[in-house]
N, C-alpha and C. Protein backbone atom coordinates (compact mmCIF):
# COMPACT_ATOMS: atom_id res chain seq x y z
N MET A 1 11.68 16.37 17.61
CA MET A 1 11.99 14.70 16.75
C MET A 1 10.81 14.26 16.27
N PHE A 2 9.65 14.67 16.70
CA PHE A 2 8.53 14.18 16.46
C PHE A 2 7.95 14.93 14.89
N LEU A 3 8.68 16.39 14.70
CA LEU A 3 8.50 17.00 13.28
C LEU A 3 9.20 16.53 12.17
N TRP A 4 10.57 16.00 12.68
CA TRP A 4 11.06 15.04 11.93
C TRP A 4 11.09 14.27 11.55
N SER A 5 10.38 13.19 12.43
CA SER A 5 9.43 11.90 11.94
C SER A 5 8.26 11.98 11.36
N ALA A 6 7.80 13.12 11.38
CA ALA A 6 6.39 13.31 10.49
C ALA A 6 6.85 13.84 8.97
N LEU A 7 7.99 14.65 9.12
CA LEU A 7 8.04 14.79 7.83
C LEU A 7 9.12 13.62 6.87
N ALA A 8 9.45 13.10 7.40
CA ALA A 8 9.90 12.03 7.10
C ALA A 8 8.91 10.83 6.46
N HIS A 9 7.64 11.08 7.08
CA HIS A 9 6.54 9.98 6.61
C HIS A 9 5.97 10.30 6.05
N LEU A 10 6.03 11.29 5.78
CA LEU A 10 5.48 12.56 4.59
C LEU A 10 5.77 11.79 2.93
N ILE A 11 7.11 12.31 3.03
CA ILE A 11 8.16 12.04 2.16
C ILE A 11 8.27 10.68 1.40
N ALA A 12 7.43 9.59 2.88
CA ALA A 12 8.12 7.74 2.02
C ALA A 12 6.37 7.90 1.87
N LEU A 13 5.63 8.93 1.91
CA LEU A 13 4.22 8.73 1.31
C LEU A 13 4.09 8.93 0.39
N THR A 14 4.93 9.78 0.08
CA THR A 14 4.55 10.52 -1.58
C THR A 14 5.36 9.81 -2.51
N SER A 15 6.66 9.10 -2.15
CA SER A 15 6.95 8.50 -2.77
C SER A 15 6.44 7.16 -3.48
N PRO A 16 6.46 7.43 -4.59
CA PRO A 16 5.84 5.86 -5.20
C PRO A 16 6.08 4.51 -4.75
N GLY A 17 4.93 3.21 -4.50
CA GLY A 17 5.79 2.55 -4.29
C GLY A 17 4.25 1.28 -4.26
N PRO A 18 4.44 0.50 -3.45
CA PRO A 18 3.01 -0.85 -3.69
C PRO A 18 1.76 0.10 -3.02
N ASP A 19 2.21 0.34 -2.30
CA ASP A 19 0.09 1.14 -1.58
C ASP A 19 -0.37 2.24 -2.70
N THR A 20 0.90 3.22 -3.43
CA THR A 20 -0.02 3.68 -4.26
C THR A 20 -0.32 3.06 -5.30
N ALA A 21 0.56 2.31 -6.15
CA ALA A 21 0.03 1.01 -7.25
C ALA A 21 -1.24 1.00 -6.34
N ILE A 22 -1.48 -0.25 -5.36
CA ILE A 22 -2.68 -0.24 -5.54
C ILE A 22 -3.62 0.20 -5.08
N VAL A 23 -3.40 1.38 -4.49
CA VAL A 23 -4.75 2.54 -4.84
C VAL A 23 -5.36 2.49 -5.64
N LEU A 24 -4.38 3.08 -6.33
CA LEU A 24 -4.74 3.32 -8.23
C LEU A 24 -5.25 2.75 -9.13
N ARG A 25 -4.78 1.51 -8.85
CA ARG A 25 -5.52 0.03 -9.12
C ARG A 25 -6.82 -0.09 -8.47
N GLN A 26 -7.15 -0.06 -7.83
CA GLN A 26 -9.05 -0.06 -6.64
C GLN A 26 -9.60 1.33 -7.66
N VAL A 27 -8.91 2.00 -8.00
CA VAL A 27 -9.11 3.77 -8.40
C VAL A 27 -9.94 3.23 -9.86
N SER A 28 -9.19 3.03 -10.46
CA SER A 28 -9.00 2.83 -12.00
C SER A 28 -10.24 1.41 -12.85
N MET A 29 -10.13 0.46 -11.73
CA MET A 29 -10.97 -0.43 -11.58
C MET A 29 -12.46 -0.60 -11.33
N HIS A 30 -12.76 0.44 -9.78
CA HIS A 30 -13.86 0.35 -9.56
C HIS A 30 -14.13 1.96 -9.01
N GLY A 31 -13.53 2.64 -9.19
CA GLY A 31 -13.85 4.34 -8.97
C GLY A 31 -13.43 4.74 -7.53
N ARG A 32 -13.76 5.88 -7.13
CA ARG A 32 -13.09 6.73 -6.46
C ARG A 32 -13.49 5.99 -5.03
N SER A 33 -14.90 5.48 -4.59
CA SER A 33 -14.86 4.91 -3.08
C SER A 33 -13.99 3.99 -3.29
N GLU A 34 -13.97 2.76 -4.26
CA GLU A 34 -12.64 2.00 -3.92
C GLU A 34 -11.34 2.12 -3.17
N GLY A 35 -11.12 3.17 -4.06
CA GLY A 35 -9.64 3.55 -3.46
C GLY A 35 -9.31 4.35 -2.06
N ILE A 36 -10.46 4.94 -1.90
CA ILE A 36 -10.40 5.37 -0.39
C ILE A 36 -10.77 4.23 0.74
N LYS A 37 -11.93 3.18 -0.14
CA LYS A 37 -11.69 1.67 1.08
C LYS A 37 -10.03 1.29 1.01
N ALA A 38 -9.56 0.96 -0.29
CA ALA A 38 -8.16 1.02 -0.15
C ALA A 38 -7.61 1.67 0.84
N ALA A 39 -7.21 3.28 0.49
CA ALA A 39 -6.24 4.01 1.59
C ALA A 39 -7.02 3.68 3.10
N ILE A 40 -8.32 3.18 3.23
CA ILE A 40 -8.59 2.71 4.90
C ILE A 40 -7.58 1.86 5.07
N GLY A 41 -7.65 0.97 4.36
CA GLY A 41 -7.27 -0.06 4.86
C GLY A 41 -5.06 -0.61 5.02
N ILE A 42 -5.09 0.55 3.83
CA ILE A 42 -3.33 1.20 3.92
C ILE A 42 -3.18 1.52 5.74
N GLY A 43 -4.22 2.57 6.03
CA GLY A 43 -3.89 3.29 7.16
C GLY A 43 -3.69 2.21 8.12
N PHE A 44 -4.89 1.37 8.22
CA PHE A 44 -4.86 0.20 9.52
C PHE A 44 -3.36 -0.71 9.40
N GLY A 45 -2.94 -0.96 8.30
CA GLY A 45 -1.80 -1.51 8.15
C GLY A 45 -0.50 -0.88 8.25
N ILE A 46 -0.50 0.43 8.30
CA ILE A 46 0.70 1.51 9.16
C ILE A 46 -0.13 1.34 10.52
N TYR A 47 -1.18 0.86 10.94
CA TYR A 47 -1.34 1.29 12.54
C TYR A 47 -0.57 -0.53 13.18
N VAL A 48 -0.96 -1.28 12.37
CA VAL A 48 -0.25 -2.53 12.67
C VAL A 48 1.43 -2.47 12.68
N HIS A 49 1.83 -1.89 11.72
CA HIS A 49 3.53 -1.66 11.78
C HIS A 49 3.78 -1.21 12.91
N CYS A 50 3.04 -0.06 12.97
CA CYS A 50 3.69 0.59 14.52
C CYS A 50 4.04 0.12 15.22
N LEU A 51 2.32 -0.78 15.66
CA LEU A 51 2.12 -1.35 17.13
C LEU A 51 3.55 -2.37 16.79
N LEU A 52 3.80 -2.78 16.22
CA LEU A 52 4.32 -4.20 15.76
C LEU A 52 6.49 -3.40 16.27
N ALA A 53 6.55 -2.35 15.82
CA ALA A 53 7.59 -1.35 15.65
C ALA A 53 7.59 -1.15 17.32
N ILE A 54 6.94 -0.34 17.80
CA ILE A 54 7.04 0.05 19.32
C ILE A 54 7.11 -1.42 20.13
N ASN A 55 6.07 -2.54 19.87
CA ASN A 55 6.83 -3.46 20.58
C ASN A 55 7.99 -4.46 20.53
N GLY A 56 8.58 -3.89 19.38
CA GLY A 56 9.53 -4.63 18.78
C GLY A 56 9.53 -6.08 17.87
N ILE A 57 8.57 -6.21 18.11
CA ILE A 57 8.54 -7.22 17.37
C ILE A 57 9.13 -7.07 15.84
N SER A 58 8.59 -6.09 15.14
CA SER A 58 9.30 -6.25 13.54
C SER A 58 10.61 -6.40 13.47
N LEU A 59 11.53 -5.64 15.02
CA LEU A 59 12.76 -5.91 14.62
C LEU A 59 13.16 -6.95 14.92
N ILE A 60 12.39 -8.10 15.54
CA ILE A 60 12.60 -9.44 15.78
C ILE A 60 12.81 -10.12 14.36
N ILE A 61 11.28 -10.16 13.55
CA ILE A 61 11.48 -10.37 12.30
C ILE A 61 12.30 -10.15 11.22
N LEU A 62 12.82 -8.90 11.27
CA LEU A 62 13.84 -8.43 10.30
C LEU A 62 15.61 -8.67 10.60
N SER A 63 15.55 -9.29 11.91
CA SER A 63 16.25 -9.73 12.19
C SER A 63 17.08 -11.10 12.04
N ASN A 64 15.73 -11.79 11.28
CA ASN A 64 15.87 -13.46 10.93
C ASN A 64 15.47 -13.22 9.57
N ASP A 65 16.70 -13.84 8.68
CA ASP A 65 16.74 -13.28 7.27
C ASP A 65 15.43 -14.39 6.05
N PHE A 66 15.37 -15.71 6.87
CA PHE A 66 14.24 -15.99 6.46
C PHE A 66 12.68 -15.93 6.52
N TYR A 67 12.54 -14.81 7.98
CA TYR A 67 11.07 -14.57 7.89
C TYR A 67 11.60 -13.16 6.88
N LYS A 68 12.02 -12.53 6.77
CA LYS A 68 12.10 -11.28 5.72
C LYS A 68 11.83 -12.15 4.62
N LEU A 69 13.15 -12.85 4.09
CA LEU A 69 11.85 -13.47 2.52
C LEU A 69 10.35 -13.31 2.51
N ILE A 70 10.15 -14.34 3.71
CA ILE A 70 8.57 -15.15 3.36
C ILE A 70 7.97 -14.11 3.87
N ILE A 71 7.85 -13.00 4.17
CA ILE A 71 7.31 -11.92 3.96
C ILE A 71 6.95 -11.06 2.38
N SER A 72 8.67 -11.09 2.08
CA SER A 72 8.65 -9.98 0.95
C SER A 72 7.88 -11.08 -0.17
N LEU A 73 7.93 -12.43 -0.09
CA LEU A 73 7.38 -13.84 -1.10
C LEU A 73 6.43 -13.15 -0.90
N ILE A 74 5.21 -13.47 -0.27
CA ILE A 74 4.08 -13.24 -0.03
C ILE A 74 3.73 -11.75 -0.46
N GLY A 75 4.38 -10.94 0.20
CA GLY A 75 3.86 -9.28 -0.44
C GLY A 75 4.14 -8.92 -1.97
N GLY A 76 4.76 -9.91 -2.32
CA GLY A 76 5.13 -9.45 -3.92
C GLY A 76 4.41 -10.62 -4.77
N ILE A 77 4.43 -11.85 -4.02
CA ILE A 77 3.20 -12.40 -4.99
C ILE A 77 1.93 -12.24 -5.25
N TYR A 78 1.33 -11.04 -3.63
CA TYR A 78 0.16 -10.73 -4.18
C TYR A 78 -0.25 -9.51 -4.60
N ILE A 79 0.54 -9.30 -4.77
CA ILE A 79 1.10 -8.00 -6.02
C ILE A 79 1.17 -7.95 -6.94
N LEU A 80 1.70 -8.99 -7.67
CA LEU A 80 1.61 -9.51 -8.68
C LEU A 80 0.33 -10.38 -9.43
N TYR A 81 -0.09 -10.96 -8.29
CA TYR A 81 -1.68 -11.54 -8.80
C TYR A 81 -2.45 -10.45 -8.80
N LEU A 82 -2.66 -9.22 -7.88
CA LEU A 82 -3.41 -8.42 -8.47
C LEU A 82 -2.97 -7.45 -9.86
N GLY A 83 -1.87 -8.05 -9.81
CA GLY A 83 -1.57 -6.92 -11.57
C GLY A 83 -1.82 -8.28 -12.54
N MET A 84 -1.88 -9.05 -12.39
CA MET A 84 -2.56 -10.11 -13.73
C MET A 84 -3.56 -10.09 -13.57
N ASN A 85 -4.50 -10.22 -11.87
CA ASN A 85 -5.99 -9.84 -12.02
C ASN A 85 -6.93 -9.00 -13.18
N MET A 86 -5.91 -7.60 -12.77
CA MET A 86 -6.20 -6.16 -13.41
C MET A 86 -6.21 -6.70 -14.51
N PHE A 87 -5.25 -6.73 -15.33
CA PHE A 87 -4.75 -7.19 -16.85
C PHE A 87 -6.26 -7.88 -17.60
N MET A 88 -5.99 -9.34 -16.72
CA MET A 88 -7.73 -9.87 -17.57
C MET A 88 -8.60 -10.05 -17.46
N SER A 89 -8.72 -8.86 -16.16
CA SER A 89 -10.14 -7.69 -16.42
C SER A 89 -10.29 -7.00 -17.21
N ASN A 90 -9.04 -6.41 -18.03
CA ASN A 90 -8.58 -5.01 -18.80
C ASN A 90 -9.51 -5.62 -20.24
N LEU A 91 -8.73 -6.58 -20.15
CA LEU A 91 -9.40 -8.07 -21.52
C LEU A 91 -10.87 -7.87 -22.18
N GLN A 92 -11.76 -8.01 -20.30
CA GLN A 92 -12.93 -8.01 -20.97
C GLN A 92 -13.80 -7.11 -21.33
N VAL A 93 -14.62 -6.88 -21.66
CA VAL A 93 -16.02 -5.76 -22.16
C VAL A 93 -16.01 -5.30 -20.68
N THR A 94 -16.34 -3.69 -20.61
CA THR A 94 -16.60 -2.97 -19.36
C THR A 94 -17.80 -3.61 -19.04
N ASN A 95 -18.93 -4.03 -19.69
CA ASN A 95 -20.26 -4.35 -18.69
C ASN A 95 -20.11 -5.70 -17.97
N GLU A 96 -18.64 -6.59 -18.50
CA GLU A 96 -18.47 -7.88 -17.43
C GLU A 96 -17.91 -7.39 -16.58
N ILE A 97 -16.94 -6.59 -16.28
CA ILE A 97 -15.92 -5.88 -14.99
C ILE A 97 -16.71 -5.07 -14.58
N ASN A 98 -18.00 -4.50 -14.36
CA ASN A 98 -18.90 -4.18 -13.73
C ASN A 98 -19.59 -4.77 -13.65
N ASN A 99 -20.34 -6.17 -13.75
CA ASN A 99 -20.91 -7.13 -13.46
C ASN A 99 -20.26 -7.87 -12.00
N ASN A 100 -18.76 -8.40 -13.00
CA ASN A 100 -18.07 -9.33 -12.05
C ASN A 100 -16.92 -8.77 -10.47
N SER A 101 -16.93 -7.27 -11.14
CA SER A 101 -16.35 -6.30 -10.10
C SER A 101 -16.87 -6.31 -8.66
N ASN A 102 -18.17 -6.51 -8.53
CA ASN A 102 -18.87 -6.05 -7.27
C ASN A 102 -18.61 -7.76 -6.30
N GLN A 103 -18.17 -8.29 -6.55
CA GLN A 103 -17.73 -9.72 -5.95
C GLN A 103 -15.99 -10.07 -5.87
N SER A 104 -15.65 -9.23 -6.52
CA SER A 104 -14.24 -8.95 -5.99
C SER A 104 -13.52 -7.76 -5.87
N ARG A 105 -14.40 -6.83 -5.30
CA ARG A 105 -13.76 -5.47 -4.88
C ARG A 105 -12.27 -5.80 -3.91
N ASN A 106 -13.19 -5.90 -2.69
CA ASN A 106 -11.96 -6.14 -1.52
C ASN A 106 -11.48 -5.44 -1.62
N SER A 107 -11.41 -3.85 -1.59
CA SER A 107 -10.53 -3.01 -1.16
C SER A 107 -10.15 -2.92 -0.26
N PHE A 108 -10.21 -2.74 0.70
CA PHE A 108 -10.36 -2.25 2.25
C PHE A 108 -8.96 -3.47 2.36
N LEU A 109 -9.82 -4.80 2.14
CA LEU A 109 -8.32 -5.97 2.14
C LEU A 109 -7.20 -6.22 2.00
N ASN A 110 -7.14 -5.67 0.20
CA ASN A 110 -6.49 -5.00 -0.95
C ASN A 110 -5.35 -4.08 0.01
N GLY A 111 -5.41 -2.98 -0.12
CA GLY A 111 -4.65 -2.40 1.22
C GLY A 111 -3.96 -2.57 2.31
N LEU A 112 -4.76 -3.36 3.10
CA LEU A 112 -4.76 -3.63 4.19
C LEU A 112 -3.37 -4.87 3.67
N ILE A 113 -3.55 -5.66 3.17
CA ILE A 113 -2.42 -6.85 3.06
C ILE A 113 -1.33 -6.31 2.11
N THR A 114 -1.52 -5.74 1.22
CA THR A 114 0.35 -5.10 0.28
C THR A 114 0.41 -4.38 1.33
N ASN A 115 0.27 -3.42 1.69
CA ASN A 115 1.12 -2.49 3.17
C ASN A 115 1.12 -3.60 4.39
N ILE A 116 0.94 -4.29 4.87
CA ILE A 116 1.10 -5.32 5.71
C ILE A 116 2.47 -5.93 5.05
N PHE A 117 2.59 -6.81 4.44
CA PHE A 117 3.79 -7.22 3.78
C PHE A 117 4.38 -7.36 2.75
N ASN A 118 4.46 -5.47 3.21
CA ASN A 118 5.21 -4.52 2.79
C ASN A 118 6.52 -4.41 3.42
N ILE A 119 8.06 -5.20 3.29
CA ILE A 119 8.98 -5.29 4.06
C ILE A 119 9.72 -4.26 4.12
N LYS A 120 9.25 -2.98 2.88
CA LYS A 120 10.11 -1.39 3.46
C LYS A 120 9.31 -0.86 4.64
N ALA A 121 7.89 -1.41 4.59
CA ALA A 121 7.27 -0.19 5.69
C ALA A 121 8.03 -1.13 6.61
N PHE A 122 8.24 -1.72 6.62
CA PHE A 122 9.03 -2.96 8.41
C PHE A 122 9.95 -2.18 8.55
N LEU A 123 11.10 -2.58 7.96
CA LEU A 123 12.08 -1.38 8.17
C LEU A 123 11.57 0.16 7.94
N PHE A 124 11.16 0.97 6.90
CA PHE A 124 10.77 2.16 7.92
C PHE A 124 10.26 2.44 9.14
N PHE A 125 9.38 1.90 9.80
CA PHE A 125 8.41 1.90 10.84
C PHE A 125 9.63 1.35 12.17
N VAL A 126 10.26 0.20 11.58
CA VAL A 126 11.41 0.05 12.75
C VAL A 126 12.57 1.20 13.33
N SER A 127 12.91 1.68 12.00
CA SER A 127 14.41 3.30 11.96
C SER A 127 13.43 4.39 12.59
N LEU A 128 11.96 4.65 12.10
CA LEU A 128 11.25 5.86 13.05
C LEU A 128 11.43 5.57 14.44
N PHE A 129 10.43 4.56 14.78
CA PHE A 129 10.14 4.33 15.97
C PHE A 129 11.87 4.16 16.82
N SER A 130 12.97 4.31 16.44
CA SER A 130 14.19 3.55 17.35
C SER A 130 14.47 5.08 17.60
N ILE A 131 14.24 6.32 16.91
CA ILE A 131 14.37 7.17 17.07
C ILE A 131 13.91 8.00 18.17
N ILE A 132 12.51 8.27 17.83
CA ILE A 132 11.17 8.88 18.67
C ILE A 132 10.73 7.87 19.47
N ILE A 133 11.41 6.45 20.08
CA ILE A 133 10.73 5.82 21.00
C ILE A 133 11.33 6.39 22.47
N ASP A 134 12.06 7.06 22.48
CA ASP A 134 12.27 7.89 24.01
C ASP A 134 11.05 8.80 24.54
N ASN A 135 10.49 9.25 23.49
CA ASN A 135 9.44 10.31 23.33
C ASN A 135 7.74 9.72 24.00
N LEU A 136 8.01 8.39 23.71
CA LEU A 136 6.38 7.48 23.39
C LEU A 136 6.19 7.11 25.01
N ASN A 137 5.87 8.41 25.51
CA ASN A 137 5.72 8.21 27.02
C ASN A 137 4.01 8.56 27.40
N GLY A 138 3.37 7.71 28.05
CA GLY A 138 1.99 8.07 28.76
C GLY A 138 1.32 7.69 26.98
N ILE A 139 0.45 8.90 27.17
CA ILE A 139 -0.86 8.81 25.91
C ILE A 139 0.14 9.02 24.49
N TYR A 140 1.48 9.19 24.62
CA TYR A 140 2.33 10.06 23.22
C TYR A 140 2.40 7.94 22.62
N PHE A 141 2.25 7.26 23.30
CA PHE A 141 2.26 5.66 22.90
C PHE A 141 0.90 5.46 22.00
N TYR A 142 0.20 5.69 22.21
CA TYR A 142 -1.24 6.16 21.22
C TYR A 142 -1.32 7.29 20.19
N ILE A 143 -1.26 8.04 20.94
CA ILE A 143 -1.03 9.23 19.59
C ILE A 143 -0.04 8.92 18.51
N TYR A 144 1.18 8.94 18.65
CA TYR A 144 1.80 8.91 17.35
C TYR A 144 1.49 7.28 16.74
N PRO A 145 1.57 5.99 16.75
CA PRO A 145 0.91 4.91 15.54
C PRO A 145 -0.58 6.01 15.09
N LEU A 146 -1.29 6.37 15.98
CA LEU A 146 -2.81 6.84 15.29
C LEU A 146 -2.26 7.75 14.48
N TYR A 147 -1.32 8.89 14.65
CA TYR A 147 -1.19 10.12 13.69
C TYR A 147 -0.52 9.64 12.31
N PHE A 148 0.19 8.07 12.44
CA PHE A 148 0.71 7.56 11.05
C PHE A 148 -0.18 6.88 10.28
N ALA A 149 -1.22 6.33 11.25
CA ALA A 149 -2.13 5.96 10.09
C ALA A 149 -2.90 6.82 9.67
N VAL A 150 -3.39 7.49 10.77
CA VAL A 150 -4.65 8.78 9.99
C VAL A 150 -4.05 9.34 8.39
N MET A 151 -2.91 9.70 9.23
CA MET A 151 -2.35 11.15 7.95
C MET A 151 -1.87 9.88 6.46
N SER A 152 -1.79 8.64 6.88
CA SER A 152 -1.36 7.70 5.62
C SER A 152 -2.17 7.54 4.93
N SER A 153 -3.80 7.40 5.00
CA SER A 153 -5.13 7.51 5.09
C SER A 153 -5.82 8.82 4.39
N ILE A 154 -5.51 9.75 4.84
CA ILE A 154 -5.66 11.03 4.21
C ILE A 154 -5.12 11.00 3.14
N TRP A 155 -3.78 10.79 3.05
CA TRP A 155 -2.40 11.31 1.66
C TRP A 155 -3.39 10.32 0.52
N PHE A 156 -3.68 8.55 0.68
CA PHE A 156 -4.46 8.17 -0.10
C PHE A 156 -5.51 8.35 -0.74
N ILE A 157 -6.29 9.09 0.43
CA ILE A 157 -7.94 9.67 -0.08
C ILE A 157 -7.80 10.72 -0.84
N PHE A 158 -6.67 11.51 -0.73
CA PHE A 158 -6.53 12.68 -1.92
C PHE A 158 -5.87 12.68 -2.77
N LEU A 159 -5.38 11.37 -2.90
CA LEU A 159 -4.61 10.58 -4.24
C LEU A 159 -5.79 10.52 -5.00
N SER A 160 -6.69 9.77 -4.47
CA SER A 160 -7.77 8.86 -5.12
C SER A 160 -9.19 10.05 -5.51
N PHE A 161 -9.37 11.12 -4.86
CA PHE A 161 -10.14 12.53 -5.24
C PHE A 161 -9.30 13.24 -6.59
N ILE A 162 -7.77 12.88 -6.07
CA ILE A 162 -7.23 13.98 -7.39
C ILE A 162 -7.21 12.98 -8.99
N VAL A 163 -6.95 11.67 -8.73
CA VAL A 163 -6.91 10.78 -10.18
C VAL A 163 -8.38 11.15 -10.91
N THR A 164 -10.01 10.94 -9.78
CA THR A 164 -10.72 10.97 -10.21
C THR A 164 -10.87 12.17 -10.79
N ALA A 165 -10.35 13.41 -10.38
CA ALA A 165 -11.12 14.91 -10.07
C ALA A 165 -11.32 15.33 -11.51
N SER A 166 -11.03 15.01 -12.62
CA SER A 166 -11.18 15.25 -13.90
C SER A 166 -12.61 15.18 -14.55
N LYS A 167 -13.41 15.82 -15.17
CA LYS A 167 -15.01 15.27 -15.88
C LYS A 167 -13.94 14.75 -17.02
N ASN A 168 -13.24 15.31 -17.73
CA ASN A 168 -12.67 14.51 -19.10
C ASN A 168 -12.45 13.35 -18.89
N GLN A 169 -12.69 11.78 -19.37
CA GLN A 169 -12.42 10.55 -19.71
C GLN A 169 -10.84 10.10 -19.95
N THR A 170 -10.55 11.12 -20.67
CA THR A 170 -9.29 11.06 -21.10
C THR A 170 -8.25 11.17 -20.14
N PHE A 171 -8.54 12.23 -19.38
CA PHE A 171 -7.85 12.54 -18.11
C PHE A 171 -8.16 12.03 -16.38
N ASN A 172 -9.13 10.94 -16.53
CA ASN A 172 -9.91 10.87 -15.36
C ASN A 172 -9.37 9.21 -15.31
N ILE A 173 -8.85 8.82 -14.59
CA ILE A 173 -8.41 7.49 -14.25
C ILE A 173 -9.00 6.35 -14.26
N TYR A 174 -10.42 6.40 -13.81
CA TYR A 174 -11.83 5.37 -13.82
C TYR A 174 -12.23 5.18 -15.00
N SER A 175 -11.93 3.49 -15.07
CA SER A 175 -12.50 3.16 -16.47
C SER A 175 -11.43 3.22 -17.89
N ASN A 176 -10.69 3.88 -17.55
CA ASN A 176 -9.42 3.93 -19.06
C ASN A 176 -9.04 3.21 -19.21
N LYS A 177 -9.31 2.59 -20.18
CA LYS A 177 -8.53 1.22 -20.56
C LYS A 177 -7.31 1.32 -20.56
N TYR A 178 -6.69 1.82 -21.19
CA TYR A 178 -4.83 2.57 -21.07
C TYR A 178 -4.32 2.88 -20.07
N ILE A 179 -5.01 3.09 -18.93
CA ILE A 179 -4.42 3.71 -17.50
C ILE A 179 -4.79 2.21 -17.28
N LEU A 180 -5.76 1.34 -17.09
CA LEU A 180 -6.10 -0.10 -16.66
C LEU A 180 -4.84 -0.89 -17.43
N SER A 181 -4.51 -0.96 -18.51
CA SER A 181 -3.00 -1.83 -18.85
C SER A 181 -1.94 -1.22 -18.45
N VAL A 182 -1.76 0.45 -18.02
CA VAL A 182 -0.34 0.75 -17.65
C VAL A 182 -0.20 0.26 -16.34
N MET A 183 -1.41 -0.32 -15.71
CA MET A 183 -1.11 -0.11 -14.13
C MET A 183 -0.93 -1.21 -13.27
N SER A 184 -1.80 -2.27 -14.55
CA SER A 184 -1.62 -3.89 -14.61
C SER A 184 0.15 -3.79 -14.70
N ILE A 185 0.69 -3.36 -15.64
CA ILE A 185 1.99 -3.48 -15.88
C ILE A 185 3.14 -2.95 -14.67
N ILE A 186 2.29 -2.03 -14.39
CA ILE A 186 3.64 -1.46 -12.88
C ILE A 186 3.37 -2.95 -11.04
N LEU A 187 1.81 -3.00 -11.77
CA LEU A 187 1.76 -3.59 -10.22
C LEU A 187 2.52 -4.94 -10.72
N CYS A 188 2.87 -5.86 -11.70
CA CYS A 188 3.15 -7.29 -12.18
C CYS A 188 4.34 -6.80 -12.21
N GLY A 189 5.27 -5.68 -12.54
CA GLY A 189 6.52 -5.11 -12.31
C GLY A 189 7.03 -5.10 -10.84
N ILE A 190 6.05 -4.28 -9.86
CA ILE A 190 6.63 -4.08 -9.01
C ILE A 190 6.51 -5.58 -8.01
N GLY A 191 5.55 -6.27 -8.34
CA GLY A 191 5.22 -7.67 -7.80
C GLY A 191 7.18 -8.91 -8.03
N LEU A 192 7.25 -8.67 -9.15
CA LEU A 192 8.36 -9.00 -10.16
C LEU A 192 9.76 -9.21 -9.17
N LEU A 193 9.86 -7.09 -9.34
CA LEU A 193 10.92 -7.04 -8.61
C LEU A 193 10.83 -6.97 -7.27
N ILE A 194 10.04 -7.20 -5.85
CA ILE A 194 10.59 -7.86 -5.17
C ILE A 194 10.93 -9.67 -5.00
N ILE A 195 9.53 -9.83 -5.66
CA ILE A 195 10.50 -11.71 -5.86
C ILE A 195 11.63 -11.19 -5.92
N ILE A 196 12.14 -11.19 -6.84
CA ILE A 196 13.30 -11.16 -7.27
C ILE A 196 14.65 -11.02 -6.37
N ARG A 197 14.11 -9.41 -5.64
CA ARG A 197 14.70 -8.85 -5.15
C ARG A 197 15.30 -9.66 -3.74
N SER A 198 14.13 -10.31 -3.71
CA SER A 198 14.29 -10.61 -2.11
C SER A 198 14.65 -12.41 -2.28
N ILE A 199 14.84 -12.91 -3.02
CA ILE A 199 15.67 -14.15 -3.41
C ILE A 199 16.83 -14.00 -3.33
N TYR A 200 16.68 -13.19 -4.03
CA TYR A 200 18.74 -12.96 -4.64
C TYR A 200 19.32 -12.20 -2.74
N GLU A 201 18.61 -11.34 -1.96
CA GLU A 201 19.74 -10.95 -0.94
C GLU A 201 19.32 -12.04 -0.46
N TYR A 202 18.53 -13.10 -0.38
CA TYR A 202 18.50 -14.15 0.97
C TYR A 202 19.34 -15.24 0.35
N PHE A 203 19.82 -15.13 -1.04
CA PHE A 203 21.29 -16.39 -1.42
C PHE A 203 22.00 -15.84 -1.65
């Protein structure tokens, strides 16, 4: 059963979503190292989700429509804010971005917050652990959450390397103003979609 859950987790990781978008944002604005920090933040977020799911807290939260709405709105507004912030930064000259970004990177925190307030992550890990909960005896209670957290970080670290591997500036995502524009639009779109969808589902 663990192999099937690990496979499901891998498929979920490779599917584009807020986590992927936030890693690409940090990489495109600040470089590979910040993408790696965001990836580690996402891994910590995954670990929190796992612990909440194991202890049944996630199920309690998801059983209340108002709590779901609040979590979705916080996540959507935060992602929308990051997208707009990215767009505004792209309007500035490169030197200004480099000078100001040192004070506003917060890559680890961005990855952590984006993941924790991702309602799909709540739903995914509640579903996942409802299947494998019978196998969580002894040391496995600690190993499973750690595995999912570490594998998540590894995948997004790998993604950070892939998108910055090219020496050609056209294909290298870092400091490419066209990619910055596209990523800011995608982030704003994801944020708006989450907000609109959560309000629609609640009312």
